[in-house]
């Protein structure tokens, strides 16, 4: 989850810089507390309500999909079957993190 909070933090910082506004002003237009916004930006929260993220996105130029990047094709599969010269090979896909 930390990577999503880091992404959200980056998007908020970009939005505040683009608008050339204060964090207090941005928190006000998003209808969240300044402290909550600061905790999100500093990645000090382990849990953020989805409704809070939605409020931020509704008042920004980025969408919730930008925060939670879409899954890739490889995320949905675990095995690939490849055929070469009449021989089928079963390849197990592992994601290394």
Protein backbone atom coordinates (compact mmCIF):
# COMPACT_ATOMS: atom_id res chain seq x y z
CA UNK A 1 0.00 0.00 0.00
CA UNK A 2 2.92 2.34 0.60
CA UNK A 3 3.56 2.64 -3.14
CA UNK A 4 -0.01 3.88 -3.66
CA UNK A 5 0.42 6.47 -0.92
CA UNK A 6 3.70 7.61 -2.47
CA UNK A 7 1.98 7.90 -5.85
CA UNK A 8 -0.91 9.86 -4.30
CA UNK A 9 1.60 12.12 -2.56
CA UNK A 10 3.43 12.80 -5.83
CA UNK A 11 0.19 13.59 -7.63
CA UNK A 12 -0.94 15.98 -4.87
CA UNK A 13 2.40 17.79 -4.85
CA UNK A 14 2.25 18.16 -8.62
CA UNK A 15 -1.31 19.48 -8.41
CA UNK A 16 -0.46 22.01 -5.68
CA UNK A 17 2.56 23.21 -7.67
CA UNK A 18 0.53 23.47 -10.86
CA UNK A 19 -2.16 25.54 -9.11
CA UNK A 20 0.47 27.53 -7.24
CA UNK A 21 -1.61 27.29 -4.08
CA UNK A 22 -1.04 26.44 -0.44
CA UNK A 23 -1.66 23.06 1.14
CA UNK A 24 -4.30 24.68 3.33
CA UNK A 25 -6.18 25.97 0.30
CA UNK A 26 -5.94 22.61 -1.46
CA UNK A 27 -7.16 20.79 1.67
CA UNK A 28 -10.07 23.23 1.92
CA UNK A 29 -11.23 22.73 -1.65
CA UNK A 30 -10.96 18.95 -1.16
CA UNK A 31 -12.95 19.22 2.09
CA UNK A 32 -10.34 17.40 4.15
CA UNK A 33 -8.27 18.61 7.08
CA UNK A 34 -4.89 20.17 6.51
CA UNK A 35 -3.38 17.65 8.94
CA UNK A 36 -4.81 14.74 6.98
CA UNK A 37 -3.44 16.16 3.74
CA UNK A 38 -0.02 16.65 5.36
CA UNK A 39 -0.04 13.04 6.63
CA UNK A 40 -0.87 11.79 3.14
CA UNK A 41 1.86 13.89 1.54
CA UNK A 42 4.42 12.77 4.12
CA UNK A 43 3.27 9.12 3.72
CA UNK A 44 2.72 8.93 7.47
CA UNK A 45 -0.67 7.28 7.19
CA UNK A 46 -1.08 3.56 6.67
CA UNK A 47 -4.76 3.90 5.96
CA UNK A 48 -6.60 6.50 3.96
CA UNK A 49 -10.31 6.25 3.36
CA UNK A 50 -11.28 5.73 -0.24
CA UNK A 51 -13.75 8.60 0.15
CA UNK A 52 -10.82 10.89 1.05
CA UNK A 53 -8.91 9.81 -2.05
CA UNK A 54 -12.05 10.40 -4.11
CA UNK A 55 -12.45 13.92 -2.68
CA UNK A 56 -8.87 14.69 -3.63
CA UNK A 57 -9.29 13.28 -7.13
CA UNK A 58 -12.61 15.07 -7.67
CA UNK A 59 -10.87 18.38 -6.99
CA UNK A 60 -7.74 17.62 -9.01
CA UNK A 61 -6.78 17.02 -12.59
CA UNK A 62 -5.85 13.40 -11.88
CA UNK A 63 -8.14 10.40 -11.58
CA UNK A 64 -8.28 7.61 -9.05
CA UNK A 65 -6.88 5.32 -11.78
CA UNK A 66 -3.73 7.44 -11.71
CA UNK A 67 -3.27 6.54 -8.05
CA UNK A 68 -4.00 2.85 -8.42
CA UNK A 69 -2.22 2.04 -11.65
CA UNK A 70 -4.06 -0.52 -13.76
CA UNK A 71 -2.96 -4.10 -13.58
CA UNK A 72 -0.89 -5.43 -16.41
CA UNK A 73 -1.59 -8.51 -18.47
CA UNK A 74 1.07 -10.42 -16.55
CA UNK A 75 -0.81 -9.77 -13.29
CA UNK A 76 -3.69 -11.88 -14.56
CA UNK A 77 -1.79 -14.91 -15.80
CA UNK A 78 0.46 -17.40 -14.06
CA UNK A 79 1.25 -19.83 -16.90
CA UNK A 80 2.03 -19.37 -20.57
CA UNK A 81 2.04 -22.21 -23.08
CA UNK A 82 4.45 -21.76 -25.97
CA UNK A 83 4.68 -24.10 -28.93
CA UNK A 84 7.80 -24.45 -31.03
CA UNK A 85 8.44 -27.14 -33.65
CA UNK A 86 5.45 -29.14 -32.46
CA UNK A 87 6.64 -29.19 -28.84
CA UNK A 88 4.58 -27.38 -26.21
CA UNK A 89 6.37 -25.65 -23.36
CA UNK A 90 4.58 -24.61 -20.22
CA UNK A 91 6.20 -21.54 -18.70
CA UNK A 92 5.31 -20.45 -15.20
CA UNK A 93 5.30 -16.68 -14.77
CA UNK A 94 6.66 -15.30 -11.52
CA UNK A 95 6.84 -11.66 -10.61
CA UNK A 96 9.96 -10.73 -8.69
CA UNK A 97 9.56 -7.76 -6.40
